[in-house]
Amino acid sequence: PKLGRGVRRKRRDSQAWGLHHNRGSAPTRPRQPSGAKPPNPLGKRMAAAPTQIEAELYYLIARFLQSGPCNKSAQVLVQELEEHQLIPRRLDWEGKEHRRSFEDLVAANAHIPPDYLLKICERIGPLLDKEIPQSVPGVQTLLGVGRQSLLRDA
């Protein structure tokens, strides 16, 4: 039978997502073995709750961007952090979690200046140099490789 464009596209899309149509019923997904990850046909990283350090890093990046010339980028990042719920939740006195806005997080961390991430980056190199010296002393870079890398091993 001749199918219209929309019907063909719908059928093709549902096949790409692994949906099966049973006549007269809603589409169903094929059974996955227990513990198996669902298909990710677009190759995107599936959203998962960030670790505490990841959430804090997102926060510090946004604050750093807000303090410089990339204010539009900061606004977009803050919007995405709120949209994807990547901002750490607050706990009330009963131990219940509550969502909060980026501005609430800034207010709760008033002791953290906008350039805090920059200050951390400036301190890491000299601290690491005390433990594992660089191959070229005095060169401070976040982008080094080998013995100049901040991730260098002893």
C-alpha atoms as a PDB file:
ATOM      1  CA  PRO A   1       0.000   0.000   0.000  1.00  0.00           C
ATOM      2  CA  LYS A   2       1.080   3.524  -0.689  1.00  0.00           C
ATOM      3  CA  LEU A   3       1.925   5.384   2.523  1.00  0.00           C
ATOM      4  CA  GLY A   4       2.078   9.131   2.991  1.00  0.00           C
ATOM      5  CA  ARG A   5       5.354  10.805   3.952  1.00  0.00           C
ATOM      6  CA  GLY A   6       4.351  11.307   7.579  1.00  0.00           C
ATOM      7  CA  VAL A   7       3.416   7.648   8.014  1.00  0.00           C
ATOM      8  CA  ARG A   8       6.687   6.434   6.473  1.00  0.00           C
ATOM      9  CA  ARG A   9       8.703   8.844   8.628  1.00  0.00           C
ATOM     10  CA  LYS A  10       6.815   7.803  11.756  1.00  0.00           C
ATOM     11  CA  ARG A  11       7.398   4.134  10.981  1.00  0.00           C
ATOM     12  CA  ARG A  12      11.105   4.729  10.228  1.00  0.00           C
ATOM     13  CA  ASP A  13      11.559   6.799  13.404  1.00  0.00           C
ATOM     14  CA  SER A  14       9.845   4.213  15.573  1.00  0.00           C
ATOM     15  CA  GLN A  15      12.073   1.510  14.093  1.00  0.00           C
ATOM     16  CA  ALA A  16      15.161   3.600  14.831  1.00  0.00           C
ATOM     17  CA  TRP A  17      14.065   3.883  18.463  1.00  0.00           C
ATOM     18  CA  GLY A  18      13.457   0.147  18.682  1.00  0.00           C
ATOM     19  CA  LEU A  19       9.676   0.457  18.930  1.00  0.00           C
ATOM     20  CA  HIS A  20       7.480  -2.316  17.601  1.00  0.00           C
ATOM     21  CA  HIS A  21       3.911  -1.753  16.516  1.00  0.00           C
ATOM     22  CA  ASN A  22       1.330  -4.377  17.249  1.00  0.00           C
ATOM     23  CA  ARG A  23      -1.734  -3.869  15.160  1.00  0.00           C
ATOM     24  CA  GLY A  24      -4.375  -2.029  17.094  1.00  0.00           C
ATOM     25  CA  SER A  25      -2.149  -1.293  20.104  1.00  0.00           C
ATOM     26  CA  ALA A  26       0.406   1.237  21.232  1.00  0.00           C
ATOM     27  CA  PRO A  27       4.065   0.769  20.289  1.00  0.00           C
ATOM     28  CA  THR A  28       6.136  -1.325  22.649  1.00  0.00           C
ATOM     29  CA  ARG A  29       9.880  -1.628  23.219  1.00  0.00           C
ATOM     30  CA  PRO A  30      11.633  -4.956  22.836  1.00  0.00           C
ATOM     31  CA  ARG A  31      12.570  -6.530  26.153  1.00  0.00           C
ATOM     32  CA  GLN A  32      16.021  -5.706  27.450  1.00  0.00           C
ATOM     33  CA  PRO A  33      18.010  -8.109  29.604  1.00  0.00           C
ATOM     34  CA  SER A  34      17.945  -6.950  33.220  1.00  0.00           C
ATOM     35  CA  GLY A  35      20.769  -4.526  33.886  1.00  0.00           C
ATOM     36  CA  ALA A  36      21.184  -3.695  30.195  1.00  0.00           C
ATOM     37  CA  LYS A  37      21.394  -0.052  29.216  1.00  0.00           C
ATOM     38  CA  PRO A  38      18.595   1.268  26.976  1.00  0.00           C
ATOM     39  CA  PRO A  39      19.593   2.045  23.389  1.00  0.00           C
ATOM     40  CA  ASN A  40      21.041   5.465  22.682  1.00  0.00           C
ATOM     41  CA  PRO A  41      20.703   5.810  18.900  1.00  0.00           C
ATOM     42  CA  LEU A  42      21.809   9.440  18.801  1.00  0.00           C
ATOM     43  CA  GLY A  43      25.097   8.725  20.560  1.00  0.00           C
ATOM     44  CA  LYS A  44      24.413  11.413  23.175  1.00  0.00           C
ATOM     45  CA  ARG A  45      25.531  11.063  26.766  1.00  0.00           C
ATOM     46  CA  MET A  46      22.465  10.018  28.697  1.00  0.00           C
ATOM     47  CA  ALA A  47      21.590  12.404  31.498  1.00  0.00           C
ATOM     48  CA  ALA A  48      22.490  11.090  34.896  1.00  0.00           C
ATOM     49  CA  ALA A  49      22.679  12.869  38.192  1.00  0.00           C
ATOM     50  CA  PRO A  50      26.076  14.547  38.379  1.00  0.00           C
ATOM     51  CA  THR A  51      28.472  13.683  41.166  1.00  0.00           C
ATOM     52  CA  GLN A  52      28.936  16.360  43.788  1.00  0.00           C
ATOM     53  CA  ILE A  53      32.274  17.420  42.307  1.00  0.00           C
ATOM     54  CA  GLU A  54      30.761  17.636  38.790  1.00  0.00           C
ATOM     55  CA  ALA A  55      27.879  19.779  40.054  1.00  0.00           C
ATOM     56  CA  GLU A  56      30.302  22.045  41.914  1.00  0.00           C
ATOM     57  CA  LEU A  57      32.506  22.318  38.819  1.00  0.00           C
ATOM     58  CA  TYR A  58      29.520  23.359  36.687  1.00  0.00           C
ATOM     59  CA  TYR A  59      28.740  25.986  39.323  1.00  0.00           C
ATOM     60  CA  LEU A  60      32.316  27.299  39.391  1.00  0.00           C
ATOM     61  CA  ILE A  61      32.483  27.431  35.583  1.00  0.00           C
ATOM     62  CA  ALA A  62      29.247  29.421  35.422  1.00  0.00           C
ATOM     63  CA  ARG A  63      30.481  31.837  38.104  1.00  0.00           C
ATOM     64  CA  PHE A  64      33.800  32.253  36.261  1.00  0.00           C
ATOM     65  CA  LEU A  65      31.987  32.968  32.992  1.00  0.00           C
ATOM     66  CA  GLN A  66      29.744  35.511  34.737  1.00  0.00           C
ATOM     67  CA  SER A  67      32.778  37.454  35.948  1.00  0.00           C
ATOM     68  CA  GLY A  68      34.340  37.868  32.512  1.00  0.00           C
ATOM     69  CA  PRO A  69      33.437  38.837  28.964  1.00  0.00           C
ATOM     70  CA  CYS A  70      31.430  35.633  28.301  1.00  0.00           C
ATOM     71  CA  ASN A  71      28.261  36.673  30.104  1.00  0.00           C
ATOM     72  CA  LYS A  72      25.968  35.283  27.379  1.00  0.00           C
ATOM     73  CA  SER A  73      27.683  31.903  27.697  1.00  0.00           C
ATOM     74  CA  ALA A  74      27.184  32.073  31.451  1.00  0.00           C
ATOM     75  CA  GLN A  75      23.471  32.774  30.975  1.00  0.00           C
ATOM     76  CA  VAL A  76      23.104  29.785  28.638  1.00  0.00           C
ATOM     77  CA  LEU A  77      25.016  27.517  31.019  1.00  0.00           C
ATOM     78  CA  VAL A  78      22.916  28.604  34.008  1.00  0.00           C
ATOM     79  CA  GLN A  79      19.748  28.030  31.996  1.00  0.00           C
ATOM     80  CA  GLU A  80      20.908  24.513  31.050  1.00  0.00           C
ATOM     81  CA  LEU A  81      21.973  23.708  34.615  1.00  0.00           C
ATOM     82  CA  GLU A  82      18.482  24.565  35.814  1.00  0.00           C
ATOM     83  CA  GLU A  83      16.758  22.865  32.858  1.00  0.00           C
ATOM     84  CA  HIS A  84      18.650  19.591  33.328  1.00  0.00           C
ATOM     85  CA  GLN A  85      18.469  19.804  37.134  1.00  0.00           C
ATOM     86  CA  LEU A  86      22.256  19.764  37.539  1.00  0.00           C
ATOM     87  CA  ILE A  87      22.217  22.174  40.457  1.00  0.00           C
ATOM     88  CA  PRO A  88      22.750  20.419  43.782  1.00  0.00           C
ATOM     89  CA  ARG A  89      19.535  20.091  45.746  1.00  0.00           C
ATOM     90  CA  ARG A  90      19.256  21.631  49.168  1.00  0.00           C
ATOM     91  CA  LEU A  91      18.329  19.672  52.266  1.00  0.00           C
ATOM     92  CA  ASP A  92      15.849  21.049  54.742  1.00  0.00           C
ATOM     93  CA  TRP A  93      16.025  20.470  58.480  1.00  0.00           C
ATOM     94  CA  GLU A  94      14.026  17.246  58.093  1.00  0.00           C
ATOM     95  CA  GLY A  95      16.490  15.862  55.530  1.00  0.00           C
ATOM     96  CA  LYS A  96      14.147  16.322  52.549  1.00  0.00           C
ATOM     97  CA  GLU A  97      15.661  17.392  49.240  1.00  0.00           C
ATOM     98  CA  HIS A  98      14.402  20.446  47.367  1.00  0.00           C
ATOM     99  CA  ARG A  99      15.292  21.874  43.970  1.00  0.00           C
ATOM    100  CA  ARG A 100      16.894  25.274  43.971  1.00  0.00           C
ATOM    101  CA  SER A 101      17.756  27.895  41.432  1.00  0.00           C
ATOM    102  CA  PHE A 102      21.240  28.953  40.451  1.00  0.00           C
ATOM    103  CA  GLU A 103      20.701  32.260  42.242  1.00  0.00           C
ATOM    104  CA  ASP A 104      19.793  30.363  45.424  1.00  0.00           C
ATOM    105  CA  LEU A 105      23.057  28.434  45.097  1.00  0.00           C
ATOM    106  CA  VAL A 106      25.023  31.679  44.614  1.00  0.00           C
ATOM    107  CA  ALA A 107      23.402  33.149  47.737  1.00  0.00           C
ATOM    108  CA  ALA A 108      24.164  29.990  49.745  1.00  0.00           C
ATOM    109  CA  ASN A 109      27.804  30.192  48.628  1.00  0.00           C
ATOM    110  CA  ALA A 110      28.400  33.925  49.065  1.00  0.00           C
ATOM    111  CA  HIS A 111      31.835  33.063  50.477  1.00  0.00           C
ATOM    112  CA  ILE A 112      32.904  31.761  47.027  1.00  0.00           C
ATOM    113  CA  PRO A 113      34.052  34.626  44.755  1.00  0.00           C
ATOM    114  CA  PRO A 114      33.379  34.486  40.986  1.00  0.00           C
ATOM    115  CA  ASP A 115      37.098  33.923  40.254  1.00  0.00           C
ATOM    116  CA  TYR A 116      37.377  30.957  42.650  1.00  0.00           C
ATOM    117  CA  LEU A 117      37.954  28.439  39.828  1.00  0.00           C
ATOM    118  CA  LEU A 118      40.770  30.617  38.452  1.00  0.00           C
ATOM    119  CA  LYS A 119      42.371  30.756  41.908  1.00  0.00           C
ATOM    120  CA  ILE A 120      42.172  26.957  42.194  1.00  0.00           C
ATOM    121  CA  CYS A 121      43.829  26.561  38.787  1.00  0.00           C
ATOM    122  CA  GLU A 122      46.594  29.012  39.750  1.00  0.00           C
ATOM    123  CA  ARG A 123      47.368  27.024  42.921  1.00  0.00           C
ATOM    124  CA  ILE A 124      47.340  23.499  41.486  1.00  0.00           C
ATOM    125  CA  GLY A 125      50.571  23.801  39.472  1.00  0.00           C
ATOM    126  CA  PRO A 126      52.837  24.992  42.302  1.00  0.00           C
ATOM    127  CA  LEU A 127      51.382  22.392  44.688  1.00  0.00           C
ATOM    128  CA  LEU A 128      51.979  19.601  42.180  1.00  0.00           C
ATOM    129  CA  ASP A 129      55.508  20.857  41.422  1.00  0.00           C
ATOM    130  CA  LYS A 130      56.433  20.218  45.074  1.00  0.00           C
ATOM    131  CA  GLU A 131      55.457  16.534  44.706  1.00  0.00           C
ATOM    132  CA  ILE A 132      56.328  15.824  41.061  1.00  0.00           C
ATOM    133  CA  PRO A 133      58.600  18.416  39.417  1.00  0.00           C
ATOM    134  CA  GLN A 134      57.975  19.528  35.836  1.00  0.00           C
ATOM    135  CA  SER A 135      60.488  18.863  33.086  1.00  0.00           C
ATOM    136  CA  VAL A 136      60.668  22.617  32.322  1.00  0.00           C
ATOM    137  CA  PRO A 137      60.535  24.529  35.628  1.00  0.00           C
ATOM    138  CA  GLY A 138      58.656  27.825  35.727  1.00  0.00           C
ATOM    139  CA  VAL A 139      56.282  27.085  32.848  1.00  0.00           C
ATOM    140  CA  GLN A 140      52.741  27.213  34.231  1.00  0.00           C
ATOM    141  CA  THR A 141      50.053  25.853  31.902  1.00  0.00           C
ATOM    142  CA  LEU A 142      46.815  23.942  32.292  1.00  0.00           C
ATOM    143  CA  LEU A 143      47.292  22.442  28.824  1.00  0.00           C
ATOM    144  CA  GLY A 144      50.681  20.747  29.274  1.00  0.00           C
ATOM    145  CA  VAL A 145      51.522  17.253  28.126  1.00  0.00           C
ATOM    146  CA  GLY A 146      53.803  14.586  29.587  1.00  0.00           C
ATOM    147  CA  ARG A 147      55.937  15.981  32.438  1.00  0.00           C
ATOM    148  CA  GLN A 148      54.244  19.390  31.968  1.00  0.00           C
ATOM    149  CA  SER A 149      50.744  17.931  32.434  1.00  0.00           C
ATOM    150  CA  LEU A 150      48.834  18.610  35.619  1.00  0.00           C
ATOM    151  CA  LEU A 151      47.827  14.943  35.482  1.00  0.00           C
ATOM    152  CA  ARG A 152      51.449  13.701  35.375  1.00  0.00           C
ATOM    153  CA  ASP A 153      52.499  10.660  37.377  1.00  0.00           C
ATOM    154  CA  ALA A 154      55.624  10.236  39.461  1.00  0.00           C
END
